[in-house]
Each structure stands twice: as C-alpha cells, then as structure tokens.
Amino acid sequence: MDKINTIKFKLIDALLLICALLPLISIIILQILTEPASSGINLTGARIFFTVKMPLQDMYITEAQINSWAVILTIFFLCLYFTHGLSEKAYTKRQIAMEWVIEKTEALVTGNMGTAFSGFAPFIAAIIGISAFSSLISLLGLFPPTSDLNITAGWAILVFILITYYKFKCGPLGYVKSFGDPVPMLAPLNVISEVATPVSMAFRHYGNILSGVVISVLLGTGLQGLSSIVLGWLPGILGEIPFLQIGIPAVLSVYFDVFSGCLQAYIFAMLTMMYVSSAFNVDEFERRKLKKQQKKIK
C-alpha cells in the first residue's frame, strides 16, 4: 500500500498514461497534416499513405493499418497501467475494476465454451477490446479500422484458422467426416458453409460499422444544408452557423459510434466462441487421448 503513494510509482503511472495517449495523438496529427481539403460529403475509404514494392503484389500501408497499430499500442500501455502495482489483496480501484473485468470475461468464456476453453479468456478479451476501441476512435474524428474490410477479414481468417485447428485435434479423418454430418448428401453444402464462416464474420462486422459511418456523414451534411435553408435568413454570421448540426448528430453518435461499435465487438466475440467450441468435440478428443495412452501402456 505504501509503494502506491511513492513519487516513483506515480511517475511510472503518468508515463504509462502518456504512452497510451501518444499513439492516438500521433494519428490525429497525421490526419490533420495529410487529409486533403474537401467540401460536402466525403465517403472515401482508408487513405493510402505509401506503397511497399513486393515481388507478386504491392503492399499498401493505409490509414486503417496505421490506426489499428495505434489502437493496439494504446491498449498495450493501458494494460500496463492497470496492472502496475498489483498485489494479492486489491487496494486500488483500478485493480478492483480489472479483477471484475477478468472475472466477467472468464465467466463469459466458460459459460459459452465450457471449462475446456477456460484459457481462451485473454483471447476473447483482446478481441472485444481491439474491436471496440477500433470503432470508438471515430468519436475522435479518426477513420475506424473496423470500417475497412481488410481489417475485419484478417480477424475472421484468424478465427477460421482456430476453428480448423480444433477440428483437426480430433484427427484428420474426423475433420473429413464432419462434412458428412448429418447425412453425406449435405457434404457440398457443409463445404460451402465452412468457407462462408469467415466471409460472413468479416462482412457482418465491417458492414455494420461502415453503415453507421455513412449514415452519420450523410445526416451531418444534410443537417448542415437544412440549417442553411431554414436559418440562412439570420443576419450576419448567425446565418452561416449550422445550428441544426448542434446536438442531433451527437445524440445519434451515441448509437452509431458507441452502442453499435461495442455491440459488434460483443457479437464478433460471441461468434468466435460459438464457432470454435462447436468445432471441438471434447468427448471424441478424450476418447482418442485415452486410446493413445492405452497403446503406449501396451
């Protein structure tokens, strides 16, 4: 308890918070310096900062990638801040809050995936955190990485690799047989369903976030024009102020940016847990494991 009140401890806390804010401040400055001047509606995708020449296909470094790394670094330093000064008995409010988050995440994972997947809690927490933060940075006027299909597709491919890995844990033959469930005639449809899993996960997350961004931009621009038409008769500079843009977009942003962003992060995590847990037959795995042990004994 005494070490929490020392100057050294507080300085490290301040340094960690500054390091957490620096990535966000950097991409805000980068956007201000590089964003081209525009008027009216601007619904372009992620801007390309530079291109890296590659043998087969050039690699584009876009705004979505830069913002994603900024989000990752911010979360990393926030984790260091919240875990700084941990003790066996929680004395600080942040440790109490983090212990609550960990308990709820572990309960969510075990409740949806079973005790066999209790070790998945950090992975699911990372998915929710990165996805939610990536959507919420739109509140700072930044391009949300989740509105870029390349980002959500990368996450979906990672989940698909995990699904395939856990299916193969029950043996290659079991993986092939799974396409014939419940009847062999459905094998072609099961193959299509297997491929459609990462595609649906990527497009669902990307589509919902992008639609919110588009609606927000269209609404803000429309209110600006409506304000000019309705209140443009006001004298002097008052006629140029978009009064109708004050308040209304902020209220709708609570849904499109905050609620929808957090909801999509939760849905993506739930789908990850559902697909991975359903891909792993615990009983079959234990049976194969017991069979191998019996062979070794013999």
C-alpha atoms as a PDB file:
ATOM      1  CA  MET A   1       0.000   0.000   0.000  1.00  0.00           C
ATOM      2  CA  ASP A   2       2.859   2.408   0.801  1.00  0.00           C
ATOM      3  CA  LYS A   3       4.531   1.947  -2.581  1.00  0.00           C
ATOM      4  CA  ILE A   4       1.398   3.238  -4.324  1.00  0.00           C
ATOM      5  CA  ASN A   5       1.878   6.643  -2.727  1.00  0.00           C
ATOM      6  CA  THR A   6       5.559   6.991  -3.686  1.00  0.00           C
ATOM      7  CA  ILE A   7       6.677   9.517  -6.266  1.00  0.00           C
ATOM      8  CA  LYS A   8       8.342   6.805  -8.363  1.00  0.00           C
ATOM      9  CA  PHE A   9       5.084   4.830  -8.592  1.00  0.00           C
ATOM     10  CA  LYS A  10       3.108   7.920  -9.617  1.00  0.00           C
ATOM     11  CA  LEU A  11       5.720   8.899 -12.200  1.00  0.00           C
ATOM     12  CA  ILE A  12       5.543   5.446 -13.808  1.00  0.00           C
ATOM     13  CA  ASP A  13       1.740   5.734 -13.821  1.00  0.00           C
ATOM     14  CA  ALA A  14       1.928   9.098 -15.562  1.00  0.00           C
ATOM     15  CA  LEU A  15       4.479   7.775 -18.077  1.00  0.00           C
ATOM     16  CA  LEU A  16       2.254   4.803 -18.950  1.00  0.00           C
ATOM     17  CA  LEU A  17      -0.774   7.054 -19.462  1.00  0.00           C
ATOM     18  CA  ILE A  18       1.252   9.377 -21.689  1.00  0.00           C
ATOM     19  CA  CYS A  19       2.459   6.394 -23.717  1.00  0.00           C
ATOM     20  CA  ALA A  20      -1.153   5.237 -24.060  1.00  0.00           C
ATOM     21  CA  LEU A  21      -2.248   8.658 -25.358  1.00  0.00           C
ATOM     22  CA  LEU A  22       0.708   9.251 -27.693  1.00  0.00           C
ATOM     23  CA  PRO A  23      -0.427   6.805 -30.441  1.00  0.00           C
ATOM     24  CA  LEU A  24      -3.871   8.439 -30.601  1.00  0.00           C
ATOM     25  CA  ILE A  25      -2.391  11.938 -30.584  1.00  0.00           C
ATOM     26  CA  SER A  26       0.036  10.901 -33.338  1.00  0.00           C
ATOM     27  CA  ILE A  27      -2.666   9.639 -35.707  1.00  0.00           C
ATOM     28  CA  ILE A  28      -4.785  12.743 -35.023  1.00  0.00           C
ATOM     29  CA  ILE A  29      -1.826  14.943 -36.014  1.00  0.00           C
ATOM     30  CA  LEU A  30      -1.145  12.691 -39.023  1.00  0.00           C
ATOM     31  CA  GLN A  31      -4.730  13.081 -40.193  1.00  0.00           C
ATOM     32  CA  ILE A  32      -4.660  16.859 -39.793  1.00  0.00           C
ATOM     33  CA  LEU A  33      -1.416  17.127 -41.774  1.00  0.00           C
ATOM     34  CA  THR A  34      -2.301  14.708 -44.560  1.00  0.00           C
ATOM     35  CA  GLU A  35      -6.062  14.974 -45.032  1.00  0.00           C
ATOM     36  CA  PRO A  36      -6.832  16.801 -48.278  1.00  0.00           C
ATOM     37  CA  ALA A  37      -9.195  19.778 -48.212  1.00  0.00           C
ATOM     38  CA  SER A  38     -12.738  18.849 -49.201  1.00  0.00           C
ATOM     39  CA  SER A  39     -16.229  20.243 -49.084  1.00  0.00           C
ATOM     40  CA  GLY A  40     -19.556  18.467 -48.878  1.00  0.00           C
ATOM     41  CA  ILE A  41     -19.917  14.733 -48.464  1.00  0.00           C
ATOM     42  CA  ASN A  42     -16.700  12.731 -48.187  1.00  0.00           C
ATOM     43  CA  LEU A  43     -17.201   8.950 -48.061  1.00  0.00           C
ATOM     44  CA  THR A  44     -13.848   7.715 -49.268  1.00  0.00           C
ATOM     45  CA  GLY A  45     -12.265   4.612 -47.780  1.00  0.00           C
ATOM     46  CA  ALA A  46      -8.987   4.372 -45.936  1.00  0.00           C
ATOM     47  CA  ARG A  47      -6.342   6.631 -47.456  1.00  0.00           C
ATOM     48  CA  ILE A  48      -3.137   5.049 -48.772  1.00  0.00           C
ATOM     49  CA  PHE A  49      -0.070   6.654 -47.184  1.00  0.00           C
ATOM     50  CA  PHE A  50       2.614   4.809 -49.135  1.00  0.00           C
ATOM     51  CA  THR A  51       3.246   1.633 -51.104  1.00  0.00           C
ATOM     52  CA  VAL A  52       5.857  -1.033 -50.453  1.00  0.00           C
ATOM     53  CA  LYS A  53       7.032  -2.745 -53.623  1.00  0.00           C
ATOM     54  CA  MET A  54       6.692  -6.535 -53.422  1.00  0.00           C
ATOM     55  CA  PRO A  55       7.521  -9.316 -55.953  1.00  0.00           C
ATOM     56  CA  LEU A  56       3.948 -10.551 -56.516  1.00  0.00           C
ATOM     57  CA  GLN A  57       1.774  -7.662 -55.395  1.00  0.00           C
ATOM     58  CA  ASP A  58       2.497  -4.272 -53.893  1.00  0.00           C
ATOM     59  CA  MET A  59       1.684  -3.835 -50.189  1.00  0.00           C
ATOM     60  CA  TYR A  60      -0.310  -0.738 -49.371  1.00  0.00           C
ATOM     61  CA  ILE A  61       0.098   0.956 -45.995  1.00  0.00           C
ATOM     62  CA  THR A  62      -3.282   2.518 -45.359  1.00  0.00           C
ATOM     63  CA  GLU A  63      -4.981   4.666 -42.759  1.00  0.00           C
ATOM     64  CA  ALA A  64      -6.758   1.571 -41.414  1.00  0.00           C
ATOM     65  CA  GLN A  65      -3.454  -0.212 -40.712  1.00  0.00           C
ATOM     66  CA  ILE A  66      -1.854   2.814 -39.047  1.00  0.00           C
ATOM     67  CA  ASN A  67      -4.919   3.379 -36.856  1.00  0.00           C
ATOM     68  CA  SER A  68      -5.046  -0.324 -35.965  1.00  0.00           C
ATOM     69  CA  TRP A  69      -1.474  -0.245 -34.693  1.00  0.00           C
ATOM     70  CA  ALA A  70      -2.251   2.926 -32.735  1.00  0.00           C
ATOM     71  CA  VAL A  71      -5.204   1.150 -31.081  1.00  0.00           C
ATOM     72  CA  ILE A  72      -3.038  -1.884 -30.268  1.00  0.00           C
ATOM     73  CA  LEU A  73      -0.325   0.291 -28.695  1.00  0.00           C
ATOM     74  CA  THR A  74      -2.904   2.248 -26.706  1.00  0.00           C
ATOM     75  CA  ILE A  75      -4.451  -0.934 -25.329  1.00  0.00           C
ATOM     76  CA  PHE A  76      -0.990  -2.339 -24.574  1.00  0.00           C
ATOM     77  CA  PHE A  77       0.047   0.650 -22.452  1.00  0.00           C
ATOM     78  CA  LEU A  78      -3.372   0.791 -20.775  1.00  0.00           C
ATOM     79  CA  CYS A  79      -2.914  -2.856 -19.777  1.00  0.00           C
ATOM     80  CA  LEU A  80       0.494  -1.982 -18.310  1.00  0.00           C
ATOM     81  CA  TYR A  81      -1.098   0.906 -16.432  1.00  0.00           C
ATOM     82  CA  PHE A  82      -3.946  -1.168 -14.999  1.00  0.00           C
ATOM     83  CA  THR A  83      -1.600  -3.986 -13.984  1.00  0.00           C
ATOM     84  CA  HIS A  84       1.021  -1.675 -12.438  1.00  0.00           C
ATOM     85  CA  GLY A  85       1.302  -2.242  -8.719  1.00  0.00           C
ATOM     86  CA  LEU A  86      -0.745  -5.432  -8.482  1.00  0.00           C
ATOM     87  CA  SER A  87      -0.953  -7.055  -5.069  1.00  0.00           C
ATOM     88  CA  GLU A  88      -2.526 -10.159  -3.568  1.00  0.00           C
ATOM     89  CA  LYS A  89      -5.218  -8.015  -1.982  1.00  0.00           C
ATOM     90  CA  ALA A  90      -6.730  -5.316  -4.162  1.00  0.00           C
ATOM     91  CA  TYR A  91      -6.097  -1.868  -2.689  1.00  0.00           C
ATOM     92  CA  THR A  92      -6.575   0.322  -5.763  1.00  0.00           C
ATOM     93  CA  LYS A  93      -9.796   0.981  -7.651  1.00  0.00           C
ATOM     94  CA  ARG A  94      -8.180   0.026 -10.958  1.00  0.00           C
ATOM     95  CA  GLN A  95      -7.158  -3.404  -9.673  1.00  0.00           C
ATOM     96  CA  ILE A  96     -10.679  -3.973  -8.364  1.00  0.00           C
ATOM     97  CA  ALA A  97     -12.088  -2.911 -11.748  1.00  0.00           C
ATOM     98  CA  MET A  98      -9.684  -5.146 -13.678  1.00  0.00           C
ATOM     99  CA  GLU A  99     -10.394  -8.123 -11.445  1.00  0.00           C
ATOM    100  CA  TRP A 100     -14.097  -7.598 -12.145  1.00  0.00           C
ATOM    101  CA  VAL A 101     -13.436  -7.462 -15.908  1.00  0.00           C
ATOM    102  CA  ILE A 102     -11.352 -10.657 -15.766  1.00  0.00           C
ATOM    103  CA  GLU A 103     -13.989 -12.488 -13.720  1.00  0.00           C
ATOM    104  CA  LYS A 104     -16.766 -11.476 -16.113  1.00  0.00           C
ATOM    105  CA  THR A 105     -14.694 -12.453 -19.163  1.00  0.00           C
ATOM    106  CA  GLU A 106     -13.827 -15.853 -17.698  1.00  0.00           C
ATOM    107  CA  ALA A 107     -17.489 -16.411 -16.817  1.00  0.00           C
ATOM    108  CA  LEU A 108     -18.495 -15.440 -20.364  1.00  0.00           C
ATOM    109  CA  VAL A 109     -15.992 -17.868 -21.897  1.00  0.00           C
ATOM    110  CA  THR A 110     -16.746 -20.829 -19.631  1.00  0.00           C
ATOM    111  CA  GLY A 111     -20.485 -20.207 -19.941  1.00  0.00           C
ATOM    112  CA  ASN A 112     -20.398 -20.271 -23.741  1.00  0.00           C
ATOM    113  CA  MET A 113     -17.462 -22.585 -24.491  1.00  0.00           C
ATOM    114  CA  GLY A 114     -17.182 -24.804 -21.422  1.00  0.00           C
ATOM    115  CA  THR A 115     -14.381 -25.313 -18.936  1.00  0.00           C
ATOM    116  CA  ALA A 116     -12.203 -26.969 -21.594  1.00  0.00           C
ATOM    117  CA  PHE A 117     -11.755 -23.495 -23.167  1.00  0.00           C
ATOM    118  CA  SER A 118     -11.151 -21.508 -19.958  1.00  0.00           C
ATOM    119  CA  GLY A 119      -7.748 -20.478 -21.336  1.00  0.00           C
ATOM    120  CA  PHE A 120      -9.495 -18.577 -24.142  1.00  0.00           C
ATOM    121  CA  ALA A 121     -10.456 -15.709 -21.810  1.00  0.00           C
ATOM    122  CA  PRO A 122      -7.438 -13.463 -22.701  1.00  0.00           C
ATOM    123  CA  PHE A 123      -8.030 -14.027 -26.427  1.00  0.00           C
ATOM    124  CA  ILE A 124     -11.727 -13.141 -26.187  1.00  0.00           C
ATOM    125  CA  ALA A 125     -10.928 -10.085 -24.043  1.00  0.00           C
ATOM    126  CA  ALA A 126      -8.408  -8.977 -26.696  1.00  0.00           C
ATOM    127  CA  ILE A 127     -10.999  -9.386 -29.470  1.00  0.00           C
ATOM    128  CA  ILE A 128     -13.580  -7.317 -27.606  1.00  0.00           C
ATOM    129  CA  GLY A 129     -11.058  -4.652 -26.605  1.00  0.00           C
ATOM    130  CA  ILE A 130      -9.425  -4.172 -30.006  1.00  0.00           C
ATOM    131  CA  SER A 131     -12.740  -4.282 -31.876  1.00  0.00           C
ATOM    132  CA  ALA A 132     -14.486  -1.827 -29.536  1.00  0.00           C
ATOM    133  CA  PHE A 133     -11.538   0.612 -29.432  1.00  0.00           C
ATOM    134  CA  SER A 134     -11.159   0.430 -33.231  1.00  0.00           C
ATOM    135  CA  SER A 135     -14.779   1.506 -33.636  1.00  0.00           C
ATOM    136  CA  LEU A 136     -14.789   4.105 -30.862  1.00  0.00           C
ATOM    137  CA  ILE A 137     -11.882   6.136 -32.290  1.00  0.00           C
ATOM    138  CA  SER A 138     -14.411   7.504 -34.786  1.00  0.00           C
ATOM    139  CA  LEU A 139     -15.537   9.724 -31.885  1.00  0.00           C
ATOM    140  CA  LEU A 140     -12.164  11.489 -32.278  1.00  0.00           C
ATOM    141  CA  GLY A 141     -12.827  12.090 -35.971  1.00  0.00           C
ATOM    142  CA  LEU A 142     -10.476   9.277 -36.980  1.00  0.00           C
ATOM    143  CA  PHE A 143     -11.043   6.559 -39.545  1.00  0.00           C
ATOM    144  CA  PRO A 144     -12.285   3.449 -37.670  1.00  0.00           C
ATOM    145  CA  PRO A 145     -10.288   0.372 -38.772  1.00  0.00           C
ATOM    146  CA  THR A 146     -13.407  -1.789 -38.382  1.00  0.00           C
ATOM    147  CA  SER A 147     -14.959   0.033 -41.364  1.00  0.00           C
ATOM    148  CA  ASP A 148     -12.209  -1.446 -43.568  1.00  0.00           C
ATOM    149  CA  LEU A 149     -12.959  -4.953 -44.839  1.00  0.00           C
ATOM    150  CA  ASN A 150      -9.244  -5.862 -44.865  1.00  0.00           C
ATOM    151  CA  ILE A 151      -9.066  -5.476 -41.073  1.00  0.00           C
ATOM    152  CA  THR A 152     -12.180  -7.471 -40.189  1.00  0.00           C
ATOM    153  CA  ALA A 153     -11.287 -10.090 -42.799  1.00  0.00           C
ATOM    154  CA  GLY A 154      -7.903 -10.562 -41.113  1.00  0.00           C
ATOM    155  CA  TRP A 155      -9.620 -11.176 -37.781  1.00  0.00           C
ATOM    156  CA  ALA A 156     -12.093 -13.585 -39.396  1.00  0.00           C
ATOM    157  CA  ILE A 157      -9.278 -15.565 -41.071  1.00  0.00           C
ATOM    158  CA  LEU A 158      -7.524 -15.889 -37.697  1.00  0.00           C
ATOM    159  CA  VAL A 159     -10.742 -17.267 -36.171  1.00  0.00           C
ATOM    160  CA  PHE A 160     -11.149 -19.631 -39.142  1.00  0.00           C
ATOM    161  CA  ILE A 161      -7.621 -20.980 -38.554  1.00  0.00           C
ATOM    162  CA  LEU A 162      -8.541 -21.634 -34.914  1.00  0.00           C
ATOM    163  CA  ILE A 163     -11.744 -23.406 -35.974  1.00  0.00           C
ATOM    164  CA  THR A 164      -9.831 -25.651 -38.379  1.00  0.00           C
ATOM    165  CA  TYR A 165      -7.122 -26.322 -35.785  1.00  0.00           C
ATOM    166  CA  TYR A 166      -9.625 -27.537 -33.198  1.00  0.00           C
ATOM    167  CA  LYS A 167     -11.409 -29.666 -35.773  1.00  0.00           C
ATOM    168  CA  PHE A 168      -8.105 -31.362 -36.616  1.00  0.00           C
ATOM    169  CA  LYS A 169      -7.423 -32.073 -32.925  1.00  0.00           C
ATOM    170  CA  CYS A 170      -9.942 -34.894 -33.234  1.00  0.00           C
ATOM    171  CA  GLY A 171      -7.982 -36.311 -36.165  1.00  0.00           C
ATOM    172  CA  PRO A 172      -7.859 -35.635 -39.926  1.00  0.00           C
ATOM    173  CA  LEU A 173     -10.385 -38.406 -40.560  1.00  0.00           C
ATOM    174  CA  GLY A 174     -12.802 -36.827 -38.094  1.00  0.00           C
ATOM    175  CA  TYR A 175     -12.398 -33.492 -39.878  1.00  0.00           C
ATOM    176  CA  VAL A 176     -13.295 -35.053 -43.230  1.00  0.00           C
ATOM    177  CA  LYS A 177     -16.228 -36.953 -41.718  1.00  0.00           C
ATOM    178  CA  SER A 178     -17.625 -33.742 -40.242  1.00  0.00           C
ATOM    179  CA  PHE A 179     -18.564 -32.597 -43.743  1.00  0.00           C
ATOM    180  CA  GLY A 180     -20.917 -35.578 -43.992  1.00  0.00           C
ATOM    181  CA  ASP A 181     -22.961 -34.639 -40.917  1.00  0.00           C
ATOM    182  CA  PRO A 182     -25.817 -35.310 -40.530  1.00  0.00           C
ATOM    183  CA  VAL A 183     -26.001 -37.115 -43.893  1.00  0.00           C
ATOM    184  CA  PRO A 184     -23.319 -37.476 -46.624  1.00  0.00           C
ATOM    185  CA  MET A 185     -25.614 -35.819 -49.175  1.00  0.00           C
ATOM    186  CA  LEU A 186     -25.137 -32.498 -47.395  1.00  0.00           C
ATOM    187  CA  ALA A 187     -21.343 -32.548 -47.844  1.00  0.00           C
ATOM    188  CA  PRO A 188     -21.312 -29.876 -50.631  1.00  0.00           C
ATOM    189  CA  LEU A 189     -23.427 -27.544 -48.501  1.00  0.00           C
ATOM    190  CA  ASN A 190     -21.189 -28.161 -45.484  1.00  0.00           C
ATOM    191  CA  VAL A 191     -18.119 -27.258 -47.556  1.00  0.00           C
ATOM    192  CA  ILE A 192     -19.781 -24.010 -48.634  1.00  0.00           C
ATOM    193  CA  SER A 193     -20.772 -23.323 -45.020  1.00  0.00           C
ATOM    194  CA  GLU A 194     -17.163 -23.862 -43.926  1.00  0.00           C
ATOM    195  CA  VAL A 195     -15.885 -21.275 -46.412  1.00  0.00           C
ATOM    196  CA  ALA A 196     -18.773 -18.902 -45.691  1.00  0.00           C
ATOM    197  CA  THR A 197     -17.961 -18.711 -41.962  1.00  0.00           C
ATOM    198  CA  PRO A 198     -15.029 -16.236 -42.166  1.00  0.00           C
ATOM    199  CA  VAL A 199     -16.718 -14.355 -45.018  1.00  0.00           C
ATOM    200  CA  SER A 200     -19.911 -13.783 -43.015  1.00  0.00           C
ATOM    201  CA  MET A 201     -17.989 -12.781 -39.883  1.00  0.00           C
ATOM    202  CA  ALA A 202     -15.887 -10.247 -41.798  1.00  0.00           C
ATOM    203  CA  PHE A 203     -18.761  -8.693 -43.745  1.00  0.00           C
ATOM    204  CA  ARG A 204     -21.119  -8.557 -40.744  1.00  0.00           C
ATOM    205  CA  HIS A 205     -18.681  -6.557 -38.619  1.00  0.00           C
ATOM    206  CA  TYR A 206     -17.450  -4.377 -41.476  1.00  0.00           C
ATOM    207  CA  GLY A 207     -20.931  -3.700 -42.873  1.00  0.00           C
ATOM    208  CA  ASN A 208     -22.474  -2.609 -39.586  1.00  0.00           C
ATOM    209  CA  ILE A 209     -19.666  -0.206 -38.699  1.00  0.00           C
ATOM    210  CA  LEU A 210     -19.421   1.210 -42.229  1.00  0.00           C
ATOM    211  CA  SER A 211     -23.180   1.767 -42.442  1.00  0.00           C
ATOM    212  CA  GLY A 212     -23.056   3.760 -39.197  1.00  0.00           C
ATOM    213  CA  VAL A 213     -20.236   5.924 -40.551  1.00  0.00           C
ATOM    214  CA  VAL A 214     -22.085   6.542 -43.824  1.00  0.00           C
ATOM    215  CA  ILE A 215     -25.360   7.424 -42.091  1.00  0.00           C
ATOM    216  CA  SER A 216     -23.567   9.791 -39.686  1.00  0.00           C
ATOM    217  CA  VAL A 217     -21.808  11.618 -42.553  1.00  0.00           C
ATOM    218  CA  LEU A 218     -24.967  11.881 -44.651  1.00  0.00           C
ATOM    219  CA  LEU A 219     -27.007  13.093 -41.698  1.00  0.00           C
ATOM    220  CA  GLY A 220     -24.422  15.677 -40.653  1.00  0.00           C
ATOM    221  CA  THR A 221     -24.167  17.029 -44.212  1.00  0.00           C
ATOM    222  CA  GLY A 222     -27.943  17.051 -44.602  1.00  0.00           C
ATOM    223  CA  LEU A 223     -28.438  18.964 -41.359  1.00  0.00           C
ATOM    224  CA  GLN A 224     -25.859  21.499 -42.473  1.00  0.00           C
ATOM    225  CA  GLY A 225     -27.768  22.120 -45.712  1.00  0.00           C
ATOM    226  CA  LEU A 226     -31.115  22.186 -43.907  1.00  0.00           C
ATOM    227  CA  SER A 227     -29.785  24.705 -41.394  1.00  0.00           C
ATOM    228  CA  SER A 228     -28.652  26.929 -44.253  1.00  0.00           C
ATOM    229  CA  ILE A 229     -32.102  26.748 -45.878  1.00  0.00           C
ATOM    230  CA  VAL A 230     -34.178  27.237 -42.731  1.00  0.00           C
ATOM    231  CA  LEU A 231     -31.978  29.645 -40.762  1.00  0.00           C
ATOM    232  CA  GLY A 232     -29.938  31.266 -43.540  1.00  0.00           C
ATOM    233  CA  TRP A 233     -32.051  34.411 -43.271  1.00  0.00           C
ATOM    234  CA  LEU A 234     -30.489  35.290 -39.908  1.00  0.00           C
ATOM    235  CA  PRO A 235     -28.330  38.436 -40.118  1.00  0.00           C
ATOM    236  CA  GLY A 236     -24.547  38.363 -40.367  1.00  0.00           C
ATOM    237  CA  ILE A 237     -22.520  35.433 -39.163  1.00  0.00           C
ATOM    238  CA  LEU A 238     -25.553  33.884 -37.455  1.00  0.00           C
ATOM    239  CA  GLY A 239     -26.892  32.766 -40.830  1.00  0.00           C
ATOM    240  CA  GLU A 240     -23.672  30.833 -41.505  1.00  0.00           C
ATOM    241  CA  ILE A 241     -23.739  28.834 -38.244  1.00  0.00           C
ATOM    242  CA  PRO A 242     -25.208  25.320 -38.786  1.00  0.00           C
ATOM    243  CA  PHE A 243     -27.434  25.371 -35.691  1.00  0.00           C
ATOM    244  CA  LEU A 244     -29.208  22.140 -36.667  1.00  0.00           C
ATOM    245  CA  GLN A 245     -25.874  20.302 -36.544  1.00  0.00           C
ATOM    246  CA  ILE A 246     -25.567  21.080 -32.845  1.00  0.00           C
ATOM    247  CA  GLY A 247     -26.705  18.220 -30.610  1.00  0.00           C
ATOM    248  CA  ILE A 248     -28.588  15.989 -33.061  1.00  0.00           C
ATOM    249  CA  PRO A 249     -25.520  14.255 -34.611  1.00  0.00           C
ATOM    250  CA  ALA A 250     -24.050  13.835 -31.121  1.00  0.00           C
ATOM    251  CA  VAL A 251     -27.172  12.043 -29.888  1.00  0.00           C
ATOM    252  CA  LEU A 252     -27.212   9.717 -32.903  1.00  0.00           C
ATOM    253  CA  SER A 253     -23.469   9.147 -32.467  1.00  0.00           C
ATOM    254  CA  VAL A 254     -24.228   7.520 -29.126  1.00  0.00           C
ATOM    255  CA  TYR A 255     -25.928   4.734 -31.078  1.00  0.00           C
ATOM    256  CA  PHE A 256     -23.889   4.532 -34.284  1.00  0.00           C
ATOM    257  CA  ASP A 257     -20.452   5.000 -32.730  1.00  0.00           C
ATOM    258  CA  VAL A 258     -20.736   3.858 -29.118  1.00  0.00           C
ATOM    259  CA  PHE A 259     -23.571   1.345 -28.822  1.00  0.00           C
ATOM    260  CA  SER A 260     -23.214  -0.197 -32.286  1.00  0.00           C
ATOM    261  CA  GLY A 261     -19.404  -0.382 -32.044  1.00  0.00           C
ATOM    262  CA  CYS A 262     -19.485  -2.130 -28.658  1.00  0.00           C
ATOM    263  CA  LEU A 263     -22.343  -4.380 -29.771  1.00  0.00           C
ATOM    264  CA  GLN A 264     -20.468  -5.544 -32.878  1.00  0.00           C
ATOM    265  CA  ALA A 265     -17.381  -6.258 -30.773  1.00  0.00           C
ATOM    266  CA  TYR A 266     -19.503  -8.414 -28.463  1.00  0.00           C
ATOM    267  CA  ILE A 267     -21.184 -10.200 -31.403  1.00  0.00           C
ATOM    268  CA  PHE A 268     -17.831 -10.955 -33.056  1.00  0.00           C
ATOM    269  CA  ALA A 269     -16.526 -12.392 -29.772  1.00  0.00           C
ATOM    270  CA  MET A 270     -19.697 -14.470 -29.300  1.00  0.00           C
ATOM    271  CA  LEU A 271     -19.442 -15.871 -32.838  1.00  0.00           C
ATOM    272  CA  THR A 272     -15.780 -16.710 -32.233  1.00  0.00           C
ATOM    273  CA  MET A 273     -16.650 -18.629 -29.072  1.00  0.00           C
ATOM    274  CA  MET A 274     -19.575 -20.398 -30.725  1.00  0.00           C
ATOM    275  CA  TYR A 275     -17.676 -21.479 -33.857  1.00  0.00           C
ATOM    276  CA  VAL A 276     -14.513 -22.596 -32.044  1.00  0.00           C
ATOM    277  CA  SER A 277     -16.311 -24.512 -29.288  1.00  0.00           C
ATOM    278  CA  SER A 278     -18.670 -26.241 -31.741  1.00  0.00           C
ATOM    279  CA  ALA A 279     -15.678 -27.287 -33.867  1.00  0.00           C
ATOM    280  CA  PHE A 280     -14.084 -29.200 -30.996  1.00  0.00           C
ATOM    281  CA  ASN A 281     -15.654 -32.487 -29.912  1.00  0.00           C
ATOM    282  CA  VAL A 282     -14.381 -32.838 -26.347  1.00  0.00           C
ATOM    283  CA  ASP A 283     -15.693 -36.400 -25.931  1.00  0.00           C
ATOM    284  CA  GLU A 284     -14.055 -37.581 -29.152  1.00  0.00           C
ATOM    285  CA  PHE A 285     -10.787 -35.868 -28.198  1.00  0.00           C
ATOM    286  CA  GLU A 286     -10.752 -37.540 -24.762  1.00  0.00           C
ATOM    287  CA  ARG A 287     -11.540 -40.901 -26.361  1.00  0.00           C
ATOM    288  CA  ARG A 288      -8.618 -40.557 -28.805  1.00  0.00           C
ATOM    289  CA  LYS A 289      -6.346 -39.400 -25.982  1.00  0.00           C
ATOM    290  CA  LEU A 290      -7.287 -42.398 -23.825  1.00  0.00           C
ATOM    291  CA  LYS A 291      -6.783 -44.741 -26.763  1.00  0.00           C
ATOM    292  CA  LYS A 292      -3.266 -43.388 -27.346  1.00  0.00           C
ATOM    293  CA  GLN A 293      -2.398 -43.798 -23.677  1.00  0.00           C
ATOM    294  CA  GLN A 294      -3.588 -47.410 -23.725  1.00  0.00           C
ATOM    295  CA  LYS A 295      -1.412 -48.116 -26.773  1.00  0.00           C
ATOM    296  CA  LYS A 296       1.632 -46.697 -25.002  1.00  0.00           C
ATOM    297  CA  ILE A 297       0.983 -48.899 -21.963  1.00  0.00           C
ATOM    298  CA  LYS A 298       0.740 -51.988 -24.177  1.00  0.00           C
END
